[in-house]
Amino acid sequence: NSGRLHAKFSCELYAHEYNARGASPASRVAGHADEVLFRDCLALRPDLAAEYEQLKLALWKPYKHDRDGYTAAKGDFVRRVTAEAKRYFTAQND
């Protein structure tokens, strides 16, 4: 739970700093591509970034010569994180 609290605090702090510079992803969530939301969520959540790194390392050798398979194998993780990012940034606009 302390990790979740830390991640939530980090997200809020990052979003506040981003807003202060006038470039908040939360202010443009409706027009953002999923890739940008995914990237922004990983920037906000070091735990998810580390999980993504481990996934990519685990898939590297099995899919060394299969780019489409590699991308597909990451799909569930990417969809889950992107959905979380959409919920988070949409809530920031409410």
PDB file of N, CA and C in Angstrom:
ATOM      1  N   ASN A   1       0.809  -1.201   0.000  1.00  0.00           N
ATOM      2  CA  ASN A   1       0.000   0.000   0.000  1.00  0.00           C
ATOM      3  C   ASN A   1       0.848   1.259   0.000  1.00  0.00           C
ATOM      4  N   SER A   2       1.990   1.246   0.700  1.00  0.00           N
ATOM      5  CA  SER A   2       2.837   2.434   0.724  1.00  0.00           C
ATOM      6  C   SER A   2       3.383   2.727  -0.664  1.00  0.00           C
ATOM      7  N   GLY A   3       3.624   1.677  -1.468  1.00  0.00           N
ATOM      8  CA  GLY A   3       4.068   1.881  -2.848  1.00  0.00           C
ATOM      9  C   GLY A   3       2.997   2.554  -3.676  1.00  0.00           C
ATOM     10  N   ARG A   4       1.747   2.137  -3.483  1.00  0.00           N
ATOM     11  CA  ARG A   4       0.624   2.734  -4.212  1.00  0.00           C
ATOM     12  C   ARG A   4       0.451   4.192  -3.793  1.00  0.00           C
ATOM     13  N   LEU A   5       0.566   4.461  -2.491  1.00  0.00           N
ATOM     14  CA  LEU A   5       0.440   5.830  -2.003  1.00  0.00           C
ATOM     15  C   LEU A   5       1.558   6.687  -2.584  1.00  0.00           C
ATOM     16  N   HIS A   6       2.781   6.144  -2.579  1.00  0.00           N
ATOM     17  CA  HIS A   6       3.918   6.881  -3.135  1.00  0.00           C
ATOM     18  C   HIS A   6       3.687   7.159  -4.619  1.00  0.00           C
ATOM     19  N   ALA A   7       3.220   6.161  -5.364  1.00  0.00           N
ATOM     20  CA  ALA A   7       2.973   6.342  -6.796  1.00  0.00           C
ATOM     21  C   ALA A   7       1.889   7.389  -7.016  1.00  0.00           C
ATOM     22  N   LYS A   8       0.831   7.355  -6.189  1.00  0.00           N
ATOM     23  CA  LYS A   8      -0.246   8.336  -6.328  1.00  0.00           C
ATOM     24  C   LYS A   8       0.295   9.730  -6.049  1.00  0.00           C
ATOM     25  N   PHE A   9       1.088   9.873  -4.986  1.00  0.00           N
ATOM     26  CA  PHE A   9       1.675  11.160  -4.665  1.00  0.00           C
ATOM     27  C   PHE A   9       2.580  11.616  -5.812  1.00  0.00           C
ATOM     28  N   SER A  10       3.389  10.700  -6.329  1.00  0.00           N
ATOM     29  CA  SER A  10       4.283  11.044  -7.430  1.00  0.00           C
ATOM     30  C   SER A  10       3.493  11.503  -8.645  1.00  0.00           C
ATOM     31  N   CYS A  11       2.376  10.812  -8.945  1.00  0.00           N
ATOM     32  CA  CYS A  11       1.536  11.198 -10.077  1.00  0.00           C
ATOM     33  C   CYS A  11       0.986  12.598  -9.881  1.00  0.00           C
ATOM     34  N   GLU A  12       0.485  12.871  -8.688  1.00  0.00           N
ATOM     35  CA  GLU A  12      -0.092  14.182  -8.429  1.00  0.00           C
ATOM     36  C   GLU A  12       0.966  15.270  -8.478  1.00  0.00           C
ATOM     37  N   LEU A  13       2.139  15.006  -7.931  1.00  0.00           N
ATOM     38  CA  LEU A  13       3.223  15.983  -7.954  1.00  0.00           C
ATOM     39  C   LEU A  13       3.652  16.242  -9.396  1.00  0.00           C
ATOM     40  N   TYR A  14       3.837  15.181 -10.164  1.00  0.00           N
ATOM     41  CA  TYR A  14       4.250  15.321 -11.558  1.00  0.00           C
ATOM     42  C   TYR A  14       3.196  16.093 -12.343  1.00  0.00           C
ATOM     43  N   ALA A  15       1.932  15.756 -12.155  1.00  0.00           N
ATOM     44  CA  ALA A  15       0.863  16.440 -12.880  1.00  0.00           C
ATOM     45  C   ALA A  15       0.838  17.916 -12.505  1.00  0.00           C
ATOM     46  N   HIS A  16       1.055  18.225 -11.233  1.00  0.00           N
ATOM     47  CA  HIS A  16       1.074  19.623 -10.799  1.00  0.00           C
ATOM     48  C   HIS A  16       2.228  20.365 -11.469  1.00  0.00           C
ATOM     49  N   GLU A  17       3.414  19.768 -11.474  1.00  0.00           N
ATOM     50  CA  GLU A  17       4.565  20.412 -12.091  1.00  0.00           C
ATOM     51  C   GLU A  17       4.349  20.573 -13.586  1.00  0.00           C
ATOM     52  N   TYR A  18       3.760  19.566 -14.218  1.00  0.00           N
ATOM     53  CA  TYR A  18       3.477  19.626 -15.643  1.00  0.00           C
ATOM     54  C   TYR A  18       2.497  20.759 -15.932  1.00  0.00           C
ATOM     55  N   ASN A  19       1.456  20.890 -15.093  1.00  0.00           N
ATOM     56  CA  ASN A  19       0.477  21.962 -15.259  1.00  0.00           C
ATOM     57  C   ASN A  19       1.133  23.326 -15.097  1.00  0.00           C
ATOM     58  N   ALA A  20       2.059  23.437 -14.165  1.00  0.00           N
ATOM     59  CA  ALA A  20       2.724  24.710 -13.917  1.00  0.00           C
ATOM     60  C   ALA A  20       3.505  25.173 -15.141  1.00  0.00           C
ATOM     61  N   ARG A  21       3.961  24.239 -15.950  1.00  0.00           N
ATOM     62  CA  ARG A  21       4.692  24.586 -17.166  1.00  0.00           C
ATOM     63  C   ARG A  21       3.749  24.742 -18.358  1.00  0.00           C
ATOM     64  N   GLY A  22       2.463  24.489 -18.146  1.00  0.00           N
ATOM     65  CA  GLY A  22       1.487  24.666 -19.209  1.00  0.00           C
ATOM     66  C   GLY A  22       1.455  23.566 -20.246  1.00  0.00           C
ATOM     67  N   ALA A  23       1.938  22.394 -19.903  1.00  0.00           N
ATOM     68  CA  ALA A  23       1.982  21.318 -20.890  1.00  0.00           C
ATOM     69  C   ALA A  23       1.389  20.027 -20.342  1.00  0.00           C
ATOM     70  N   SER A  24       0.331  20.125 -19.563  1.00  0.00           N
ATOM     71  CA  SER A  24      -0.215  18.960 -18.892  1.00  0.00           C
ATOM     72  C   SER A  24      -0.887  17.987 -19.853  1.00  0.00           C
ATOM     73  N   PRO A  25      -0.519  16.701 -19.770  1.00  0.00           N
ATOM     74  CA  PRO A  25      -1.251  15.709 -20.556  1.00  0.00           C
ATOM     75  C   PRO A  25      -2.706  15.633 -20.105  1.00  0.00           C
ATOM     76  N   ALA A  26      -2.977  15.963 -18.860  1.00  0.00           N
ATOM     77  CA  ALA A  26      -4.348  15.914 -18.356  1.00  0.00           C
ATOM     78  C   ALA A  26      -5.231  16.929 -19.059  1.00  0.00           C
ATOM     79  N   SER A  27      -4.668  18.023 -19.494  1.00  0.00           N
ATOM     80  CA  SER A  27      -5.470  19.060 -20.137  1.00  0.00           C
ATOM     81  C   SER A  27      -5.808  18.716 -21.579  1.00  0.00           C
ATOM     82  N   ARG A  28      -5.156  17.690 -22.121  1.00  0.00           N
ATOM     83  CA  ARG A  28      -5.394  17.344 -23.514  1.00  0.00           C
ATOM     84  C   ARG A  28      -5.707  15.871 -23.711  1.00  0.00           C
ATOM     85  N   VAL A  29      -6.217  15.193 -22.698  1.00  0.00           N
ATOM     86  CA  VAL A  29      -6.399  13.750 -22.754  1.00  0.00           C
ATOM     87  C   VAL A  29      -7.277  13.317 -23.922  1.00  0.00           C
ATOM     88  N   ALA A  30      -8.309  14.054 -24.246  1.00  0.00           N
ATOM     89  CA  ALA A  30      -9.222  13.645 -25.311  1.00  0.00           C
ATOM     90  C   ALA A  30      -8.520  13.563 -26.659  1.00  0.00           C
ATOM     91  N   GLY A  31      -7.527  14.416 -26.883  1.00  0.00           N
ATOM     92  CA  GLY A  31      -6.855  14.426 -28.169  1.00  0.00           C
ATOM     93  C   GLY A  31      -5.556  13.641 -28.207  1.00  0.00           C
ATOM     94  N   HIS A  32      -5.179  13.066 -27.092  1.00  0.00           N
ATOM     95  CA  HIS A  32      -3.898  12.360 -27.047  1.00  0.00           C
ATOM     96  C   HIS A  32      -3.972  10.980 -27.668  1.00  0.00           C
ATOM     97  N   ALA A  33      -2.934  10.650 -28.363  1.00  0.00           N
ATOM     98  CA  ALA A  33      -2.784   9.290 -28.871  1.00  0.00           C
ATOM     99  C   ALA A  33      -2.487   8.361 -27.699  1.00  0.00           C
ATOM    100  N   ASP A  34      -2.882   7.118 -27.828  1.00  0.00           N
ATOM    101  CA  ASP A  34      -2.639   6.142 -26.761  1.00  0.00           C
ATOM    102  C   ASP A  34      -1.159   6.042 -26.410  1.00  0.00           C
ATOM    103  N   GLU A  35      -0.286   6.175 -27.394  1.00  0.00           N
ATOM    104  CA  GLU A  35       1.152   6.051 -27.139  1.00  0.00           C
ATOM    105  C   GLU A  35       1.633   7.136 -26.181  1.00  0.00           C
ATOM    106  N   VAL A  36       1.084   8.333 -26.319  1.00  0.00           N
ATOM    107  CA  VAL A  36       1.482   9.439 -25.456  1.00  0.00           C
ATOM    108  C   VAL A  36       0.963   9.204 -24.040  1.00  0.00           C
ATOM    109  N   LEU A  37      -0.268   8.732 -23.925  1.00  0.00           N
ATOM    110  CA  LEU A  37      -0.818   8.424 -22.602  1.00  0.00           C
ATOM    111  C   LEU A  37      -0.006   7.332 -21.926  1.00  0.00           C
ATOM    112  N   PHE A  38       0.362   6.303 -22.685  1.00  0.00           N
ATOM    113  CA  PHE A  38       1.182   5.213 -22.149  1.00  0.00           C
ATOM    114  C   PHE A  38       2.511   5.765 -21.648  1.00  0.00           C
ATOM    115  N   ARG A  39       3.163   6.570 -22.464  1.00  0.00           N
ATOM    116  CA  ARG A  39       4.453   7.165 -22.085  1.00  0.00           C
ATOM    117  C   ARG A  39       4.321   8.010 -20.834  1.00  0.00           C
ATOM    118  N   ASP A  40       3.300   8.863 -20.786  1.00  0.00           N
ATOM    119  CA  ASP A  40       3.121   9.742 -19.640  1.00  0.00           C
ATOM    120  C   ASP A  40       2.849   8.944 -18.372  1.00  0.00           C
ATOM    121  N   CYS A  41       2.090   7.864 -18.489  1.00  0.00           N
ATOM    122  CA  CYS A  41       1.808   7.034 -17.318  1.00  0.00           C
ATOM    123  C   CYS A  41       3.090   6.377 -16.804  1.00  0.00           C
ATOM    124  N   LEU A  42       3.937   5.887 -17.706  1.00  0.00           N
ATOM    125  CA  LEU A  42       5.201   5.291 -17.268  1.00  0.00           C
ATOM    126  C   LEU A  42       6.092   6.332 -16.605  1.00  0.00           C
ATOM    127  N   ALA A  43       6.042   7.567 -17.096  1.00  0.00           N
ATOM    128  CA  ALA A  43       6.838   8.632 -16.491  1.00  0.00           C
ATOM    129  C   ALA A  43       6.358   8.940 -15.073  1.00  0.00           C
ATOM    130  N   LEU A  44       5.061   8.768 -14.856  1.00  0.00           N
ATOM    131  CA  LEU A  44       4.475   9.049 -13.552  1.00  0.00           C
ATOM    132  C   LEU A  44       4.610   7.897 -12.573  1.00  0.00           C
ATOM    133  N   ARG A  45       4.728   6.697 -13.100  1.00  0.00           N
ATOM    134  CA  ARG A  45       4.690   5.499 -12.260  1.00  0.00           C
ATOM    135  C   ARG A  45       5.970   4.681 -12.431  1.00  0.00           C
ATOM    136  N   PRO A  46       6.991   4.946 -11.644  1.00  0.00           N
ATOM    137  CA  PRO A  46       8.238   4.187 -11.747  1.00  0.00           C
ATOM    138  C   PRO A  46       8.036   2.677 -11.583  1.00  0.00           C
ATOM    139  N   ASP A  47       7.038   2.279 -10.801  1.00  0.00           N
ATOM    140  CA  ASP A  47       6.778   0.845 -10.620  1.00  0.00           C
ATOM    141  C   ASP A  47       6.328   0.214 -11.933  1.00  0.00           C
ATOM    142  N   LEU A  48       5.478   0.910 -12.681  1.00  0.00           N
ATOM    143  CA  LEU A  48       5.034   0.378 -13.971  1.00  0.00           C
ATOM    144  C   LEU A  48       6.160   0.432 -14.998  1.00  0.00           C
ATOM    145  N   ALA A  49       6.979   1.460 -14.943  1.00  0.00           N
ATOM    146  CA  ALA A  49       8.122   1.551 -15.856  1.00  0.00           C
ATOM    147  C   ALA A  49       9.077   0.379 -15.623  1.00  0.00           C
ATOM    148  N   ALA A  50       9.302   0.033 -14.367  1.00  0.00           N
ATOM    149  CA  ALA A  50      10.176  -1.098 -14.042  1.00  0.00           C
ATOM    150  C   ALA A  50       9.553  -2.416 -14.508  1.00  0.00           C
ATOM    151  N   GLU A  51       8.237  -2.538 -14.338  1.00  0.00           N
ATOM    152  CA  GLU A  51       7.541  -3.743 -14.797  1.00  0.00           C
ATOM    153  C   GLU A  51       7.646  -3.876 -16.320  1.00  0.00           C
ATOM    154  N   TYR A  52       7.498  -2.764 -17.019  1.00  0.00           N
ATOM    155  CA  TYR A  52       7.602  -2.758 -18.484  1.00  0.00           C
ATOM    156  C   TYR A  52       9.021  -3.123 -18.915  1.00  0.00           C
ATOM    157  N   GLU A  53      10.007  -2.596 -18.215  1.00  0.00           N
ATOM    158  CA  GLU A  53      11.393  -2.930 -18.523  1.00  0.00           C
ATOM    159  C   GLU A  53      11.629  -4.432 -18.383  1.00  0.00           C
ATOM    160  N   GLN A  54      11.131  -5.026 -17.297  1.00  0.00           N
ATOM    161  CA  GLN A  54      11.304  -6.467 -17.086  1.00  0.00           C
ATOM    162  C   GLN A  54      10.600  -7.282 -18.170  1.00  0.00           C
ATOM    163  N   LEU A  55       9.404  -6.848 -18.553  1.00  0.00           N
ATOM    164  CA  LEU A  55       8.678  -7.528 -19.621  1.00  0.00           C
ATOM    165  C   LEU A  55       9.468  -7.486 -20.921  1.00  0.00           C
ATOM    166  N   LYS A  56       9.976  -6.316 -21.273  1.00  0.00           N
ATOM    167  CA  LYS A  56      10.734  -6.175 -22.511  1.00  0.00           C
ATOM    168  C   LYS A  56      11.995  -7.038 -22.497  1.00  0.00           C
ATOM    169  N   LEU A  57      12.663  -7.084 -21.349  1.00  0.00           N
ATOM    170  CA  LEU A  57      13.861  -7.920 -21.242  1.00  0.00           C
ATOM    171  C   LEU A  57      13.521  -9.404 -21.379  1.00  0.00           C
ATOM    172  N   ALA A  58      12.391  -9.805 -20.818  1.00  0.00           N
ATOM    173  CA  ALA A  58      11.978 -11.210 -20.907  1.00  0.00           C
ATOM    174  C   ALA A  58      11.600 -11.597 -22.333  1.00  0.00           C
ATOM    175  N   LEU A  59      11.107 -10.646 -23.101  1.00  0.00           N
ATOM    176  CA  LEU A  59      10.657 -10.925 -24.473  1.00  0.00           C
ATOM    177  C   LEU A  59      11.752 -10.751 -25.513  1.00  0.00           C
ATOM    178  N   TRP A  60      12.821 -10.125 -25.136  1.00  0.00           N
ATOM    179  CA  TRP A  60      13.864  -9.770 -26.083  1.00  0.00           C
ATOM    180  C   TRP A  60      14.396 -10.971 -26.867  1.00  0.00           C
ATOM    181  N   LYS A  61      14.873 -11.984 -26.189  1.00  0.00           N
ATOM    182  CA  LYS A  61      15.452 -13.134 -26.885  1.00  0.00           C
ATOM    183  C   LYS A  61      14.412 -13.977 -27.627  1.00  0.00           C
ATOM    184  N   PRO A  62      13.284 -14.310 -26.996  1.00  0.00           N
ATOM    185  CA  PRO A  62      12.314 -15.136 -27.719  1.00  0.00           C
ATOM    186  C   PRO A  62      11.778 -14.479 -28.999  1.00  0.00           C
ATOM    187  N   TYR A  63      11.765 -13.155 -29.028  1.00  0.00           N
ATOM    188  CA  TYR A  63      11.204 -12.449 -30.183  1.00  0.00           C
ATOM    189  C   TYR A  63      12.256 -11.626 -30.924  1.00  0.00           C
ATOM    190  N   LYS A  64      13.513 -12.027 -30.804  1.00  0.00           N
ATOM    191  CA  LYS A  64      14.617 -11.274 -31.390  1.00  0.00           C
ATOM    192  C   LYS A  64      14.417 -10.992 -32.879  1.00  0.00           C
ATOM    193  N   HIS A  65      13.858 -11.934 -33.587  1.00  0.00           N
ATOM    194  CA  HIS A  65      13.670 -11.781 -35.040  1.00  0.00           C
ATOM    195  C   HIS A  65      12.196 -11.742 -35.426  1.00  0.00           C
ATOM    196  N   ASP A  66      11.344 -11.380 -34.487  1.00  0.00           N
ATOM    197  CA  ASP A  66       9.897 -11.336 -34.742  1.00  0.00           C
ATOM    198  C   ASP A  66       9.306 -10.077 -34.114  1.00  0.00           C
ATOM    199  N   ARG A  67       9.436  -8.973 -34.813  1.00  0.00           N
ATOM    200  CA  ARG A  67       8.982  -7.679 -34.291  1.00  0.00           C
ATOM    201  C   ARG A  67       7.472  -7.681 -34.014  1.00  0.00           C
ATOM    202  N   ASP A  68       6.694  -8.269 -34.913  1.00  0.00           N
ATOM    203  CA  ASP A  68       5.244  -8.305 -34.712  1.00  0.00           C
ATOM    204  C   ASP A  68       4.878  -9.143 -33.492  1.00  0.00           C
ATOM    205  N   GLY A  69       5.545 -10.273 -33.314  1.00  0.00           N
ATOM    206  CA  GLY A  69       5.292 -11.117 -32.146  1.00  0.00           C
ATOM    207  C   GLY A  69       5.679 -10.416 -30.856  1.00  0.00           C
ATOM    208  N   TYR A  70       6.798  -9.701 -30.887  1.00  0.00           N
ATOM    209  CA  TYR A  70       7.269  -8.948 -29.725  1.00  0.00           C
ATOM    210  C   TYR A  70       6.237  -7.887 -29.329  1.00  0.00           C
ATOM    211  N   THR A  71       5.754  -7.164 -30.313  1.00  0.00           N
ATOM    212  CA  THR A  71       4.756  -6.128 -30.064  1.00  0.00           C
ATOM    213  C   THR A  71       3.469  -6.744 -29.519  1.00  0.00           C
ATOM    214  N   ALA A  72       3.036  -7.842 -30.102  1.00  0.00           N
ATOM    215  CA  ALA A  72       1.816  -8.516 -29.651  1.00  0.00           C
ATOM    216  C   ALA A  72       1.972  -9.039 -28.222  1.00  0.00           C
ATOM    217  N   ALA A  73       3.157  -9.535 -27.892  1.00  0.00           N
ATOM    218  CA  ALA A  73       3.391 -10.087 -26.556  1.00  0.00           C
ATOM    219  C   ALA A  73       3.346  -9.008 -25.471  1.00  0.00           C
ATOM    220  N   LYS A  74       3.614  -7.772 -25.839  1.00  0.00           N
ATOM    221  CA  LYS A  74       3.533  -6.658 -24.885  1.00  0.00           C
ATOM    222  C   LYS A  74       2.120  -6.079 -24.810  1.00  0.00           C
ATOM    223  N   GLY A  75       1.237  -6.516 -25.686  1.00  0.00           N
ATOM    224  CA  GLY A  75      -0.072  -5.910 -25.859  1.00  0.00           C
ATOM    225  C   GLY A  75      -0.923  -5.811 -24.613  1.00  0.00           C
ATOM    226  N   ASP A  76      -1.047  -6.873 -23.841  1.00  0.00           N
ATOM    227  CA  ASP A  76      -1.890  -6.827 -22.640  1.00  0.00           C
ATOM    228  C   ASP A  76      -1.388  -5.779 -21.650  1.00  0.00           C
ATOM    229  N   PHE A  77      -0.082  -5.735 -21.459  1.00  0.00           N
ATOM    230  CA  PHE A  77       0.494  -4.753 -20.537  1.00  0.00           C
ATOM    231  C   PHE A  77       0.228  -3.332 -21.041  1.00  0.00           C
ATOM    232  N   VAL A  78       0.485  -3.100 -22.303  1.00  0.00           N
ATOM    233  CA  VAL A  78       0.306  -1.765 -22.879  1.00  0.00           C
ATOM    234  C   VAL A  78      -1.153  -1.328 -22.783  1.00  0.00           C
ATOM    235  N   ARG A  79      -2.080  -2.230 -23.087  1.00  0.00           N
ATOM    236  CA  ARG A  79      -3.503  -1.883 -22.993  1.00  0.00           C
ATOM    237  C   ARG A  79      -3.916  -1.575 -21.554  1.00  0.00           C
ATOM    238  N   ARG A  80      -3.412  -2.364 -20.611  1.00  0.00           N
ATOM    239  CA  ARG A  80      -3.752  -2.151 -19.194  1.00  0.00           C
ATOM    240  C   ARG A  80      -3.241  -0.789 -18.715  1.00  0.00           C
ATOM    241  N   VAL A  81      -2.000  -0.463 -19.026  1.00  0.00           N
ATOM    242  CA  VAL A  81      -1.414   0.799 -18.582  1.00  0.00           C
ATOM    243  C   VAL A  81      -2.074   1.982 -19.293  1.00  0.00           C
ATOM    244  N   THR A  82      -2.373   1.830 -20.566  1.00  0.00           N
ATOM    245  CA  THR A  82      -3.030   2.906 -21.311  1.00  0.00           C
ATOM    246  C   THR A  82      -4.414   3.179 -20.740  1.00  0.00           C
ATOM    247  N   ALA A  83      -5.150   2.131 -20.398  1.00  0.00           N
ATOM    248  CA  ALA A  83      -6.473   2.310 -19.793  1.00  0.00           C
ATOM    249  C   ALA A  83      -6.345   3.019 -18.447  1.00  0.00           C
ATOM    250  N   GLU A  84      -5.328   2.652 -17.660  1.00  0.00           N
ATOM    251  CA  GLU A  84      -5.094   3.321 -16.373  1.00  0.00           C
ATOM    252  C   GLU A  84      -4.771   4.797 -16.596  1.00  0.00           C
ATOM    253  N   ALA A  85      -3.958   5.090 -17.597  1.00  0.00           N
ATOM    254  CA  ALA A  85      -3.599   6.477 -17.900  1.00  0.00           C
ATOM    255  C   ALA A  85      -4.822   7.281 -18.306  1.00  0.00           C
ATOM    256  N   LYS A  86      -5.690   6.696 -19.116  1.00  0.00           N
ATOM    257  CA  LYS A  86      -6.908   7.397 -19.531  1.00  0.00           C
ATOM    258  C   LYS A  86      -7.779   7.719 -18.333  1.00  0.00           C
ATOM    259  N   ARG A  87      -7.926   6.760 -17.425  1.00  0.00           N
ATOM    260  CA  ARG A  87      -8.731   7.003 -16.220  1.00  0.00           C
ATOM    261  C   ARG A  87      -8.096   8.097 -15.371  1.00  0.00           C
ATOM    262  N   TYR A  88      -6.804   8.025 -15.173  1.00  0.00           N
ATOM    263  CA  TYR A  88      -6.113   8.991 -14.324  1.00  0.00           C
ATOM    264  C   TYR A  88      -6.200  10.404 -14.904  1.00  0.00           C
ATOM    265  N   PHE A  89      -5.840  10.566 -16.173  1.00  0.00           N
ATOM    266  CA  PHE A  89      -5.808  11.895 -16.751  1.00  0.00           C
ATOM    267  C   PHE A  89      -7.217  12.460 -16.951  1.00  0.00           C
ATOM    268  N   THR A  90      -8.192  11.608 -17.205  1.00  0.00           N
ATOM    269  CA  THR A  90      -9.573  12.066 -17.309  1.00  0.00           C
ATOM    270  C   THR A  90     -10.045  12.564 -15.947  1.00  0.00           C
ATOM    271  N   ALA A  91      -9.720  11.850 -14.888  1.00  0.00           N
ATOM    272  CA  ALA A  91     -10.100  12.265 -13.527  1.00  0.00           C
ATOM    273  C   ALA A  91      -9.469  13.605 -13.166  1.00  0.00           C
ATOM    274  N   GLN A  92      -8.278  13.857 -13.670  1.00  0.00           N
ATOM    275  CA  GLN A  92      -7.603  15.125 -13.390  1.00  0.00           C
ATOM    276  C   GLN A  92      -8.360  16.302 -14.016  1.00  0.00           C
ATOM    277  N   ASN A  93      -9.099  16.031 -15.086  1.00  0.00           N
ATOM    278  CA  ASN A  93      -9.858  17.084 -15.763  1.00  0.00           C
ATOM    279  C   ASN A  93     -11.216  17.323 -15.141  1.00  0.00           C
ATOM    280  N   ASP A  94     -11.673  16.396 -14.297  1.00  0.00           N
ATOM    281  CA  ASP A  94     -13.007  16.537 -13.670  1.00  0.00           C
ATOM    282  C   ASP A  94     -13.006  17.515 -12.529  1.00  0.00           C
TER     283      ASP A  94
END
